[in-house]
Protein backbone atom coordinates (compact mmCIF):
# COMPACT_ATOMS: atom_id res chain seq x y z
CA MET A 1 21.63 -15.63 -18.97
CA ALA A 2 19.81 -12.60 -17.90
CA LYS A 3 16.58 -12.64 -16.00
CA ILE A 4 13.88 -10.18 -15.95
CA VAL A 5 12.72 -9.63 -12.31
CA LEU A 6 10.42 -7.08 -12.48
CA GLY A 7 8.00 -4.53 -14.39
CA ILE A 8 6.43 -1.92 -13.03
CA GLY A 9 5.34 1.42 -15.02
CA THR A 10 4.09 5.12 -13.97
CA SER A 11 2.76 8.44 -15.49
CA HIS A 12 4.94 11.06 -15.98
CA THR A 13 2.93 13.73 -15.55
CA PRO A 14 4.24 16.83 -14.38
CA LEU A 15 1.33 16.54 -11.56
CA LEU A 16 3.48 14.07 -10.03
CA SER A 17 5.95 16.77 -9.07
CA LEU A 18 3.57 20.09 -9.38
CA PRO A 19 2.23 20.74 -5.68
CA PRO A 20 -1.52 20.55 -5.75
CA GLU A 21 -1.87 24.31 -4.80
CA MET A 22 -0.39 24.66 -8.64
CA TRP A 23 -2.59 22.40 -10.49
CA PRO A 24 -5.35 24.91 -11.38
CA GLU A 25 -3.22 26.98 -13.02
CA TYR A 26 -1.31 24.30 -14.74
CA ALA A 27 -4.97 22.96 -16.25
CA LYS A 28 -5.64 26.17 -18.16
CA GLY A 29 -3.17 24.65 -20.25
CA ASP A 30 -5.77 22.09 -21.25
CA GLU A 31 -8.45 24.89 -21.50
CA ARG A 32 -6.56 26.06 -24.61
CA ASN A 33 -5.51 22.55 -26.26
CA PRO A 34 -7.36 21.59 -28.57
CA GLU A 35 -6.58 18.47 -29.30
CA LEU A 36 -7.16 16.41 -25.41
CA SER A 37 -7.67 13.02 -25.38
CA PHE A 38 -9.91 11.54 -22.97
CA PRO A 39 -9.86 8.49 -21.39
CA PRO A 40 -11.55 5.97 -21.04
CA HIS A 41 -11.78 5.66 -24.96
CA GLY A 42 -8.95 8.59 -26.29
CA TYR A 43 -11.68 10.66 -27.74
CA VAL A 44 -9.82 13.58 -28.86
CA MET A 45 -11.44 17.04 -27.88
CA PRO A 46 -10.87 20.52 -27.68
CA PHE A 47 -11.46 20.98 -23.49
CA PRO A 48 -14.71 23.13 -23.40
CA GLN A 49 -16.48 20.16 -26.25
CA ALA A 50 -15.60 17.57 -23.67
CA VAL A 51 -17.18 19.48 -20.22
CA GLU A 52 -20.10 19.08 -22.46
CA THR A 53 -19.86 15.52 -22.00
CA LEU A 54 -19.54 15.44 -18.44
CA LYS A 55 -21.94 14.32 -15.81
CA ALA A 56 -22.87 16.33 -13.12
CA GLU A 57 -20.68 14.58 -11.15
CA GLY A 58 -17.76 14.96 -13.08
CA LYS A 59 -17.90 18.77 -13.14
CA THR A 60 -17.98 18.81 -9.43
CA ARG A 61 -15.88 16.65 -8.17
CA TYR A 62 -13.17 18.50 -8.64
CA VAL A 63 -13.97 21.57 -6.83
CA GLY A 64 -12.04 23.36 -4.74
CA PRO A 65 -8.60 22.31 -2.99
CA GLU A 66 -9.17 19.12 -1.18
CA PRO A 67 -9.93 16.99 -4.02
CA PHE A 68 -6.31 17.99 -5.36
CA ALA A 69 -4.90 17.59 -2.28
CA ALA A 70 -6.24 13.87 -1.66
CA GLN A 71 -5.13 12.81 -5.07
CA SER A 72 -1.64 14.55 -4.77
CA ARG A 73 -1.04 12.33 -1.52
CA ALA A 74 -2.53 8.89 -3.40
CA PHE A 75 0.29 9.72 -6.27
CA LYS A 76 3.32 10.38 -3.56
CA GLN A 77 1.84 6.74 -1.98
CA ALA A 78 1.63 5.06 -5.06
CA LEU A 79 5.43 6.52 -6.25
CA ASP A 80 6.97 5.77 -2.61
CA THR A 81 5.63 2.09 -3.38
CA LEU A 82 7.05 1.49 -6.79
CA ALA A 83 10.64 3.00 -5.34
CA SER A 84 10.09 0.21 -2.47
CA THR A 85 9.08 -2.50 -5.28
CA LEU A 86 11.94 -1.38 -7.45
CA GLN A 87 14.34 -1.36 -4.30
CA GLY A 88 13.15 -4.51 -3.03
CA ALA A 89 13.52 -6.37 -6.51
CA ASP A 90 17.67 -6.17 -5.59
CA ALA A 91 18.34 -5.82 -9.24
CA ASP A 92 21.79 -5.65 -11.04
CA VAL A 93 20.98 -3.62 -13.98
CA THR A 94 17.58 -1.43 -14.30
CA VAL A 95 16.10 -0.22 -17.74
CA ILE A 96 14.13 2.48 -18.05
CA ILE A 97 11.99 3.18 -21.19
CA SER A 98 10.69 6.84 -22.18
CA ASP A 99 9.08 8.78 -24.89
CA ASP A 100 10.54 11.78 -23.75
């Protein structure tokens, strides 16, 4: 009988593989998207409307390259943790489910 030994998940955003210096250019696509989903409630709205709802801290949080570089480092560390966790599970079979 099969036994599930591990369940893990991760986002598959392009930001996980894009270098952080490319993030501002990638984000320009969000500015043109009329149907963005915003956490934590998943409200759908265009970018300009979403910016209006942000508190001042949210508007200045990601100014300059360092916040993106720090977030990229955190992403890489988290993915490394997932990889070592998966390897440590020593599973006979790995099943990956995606919506792509």
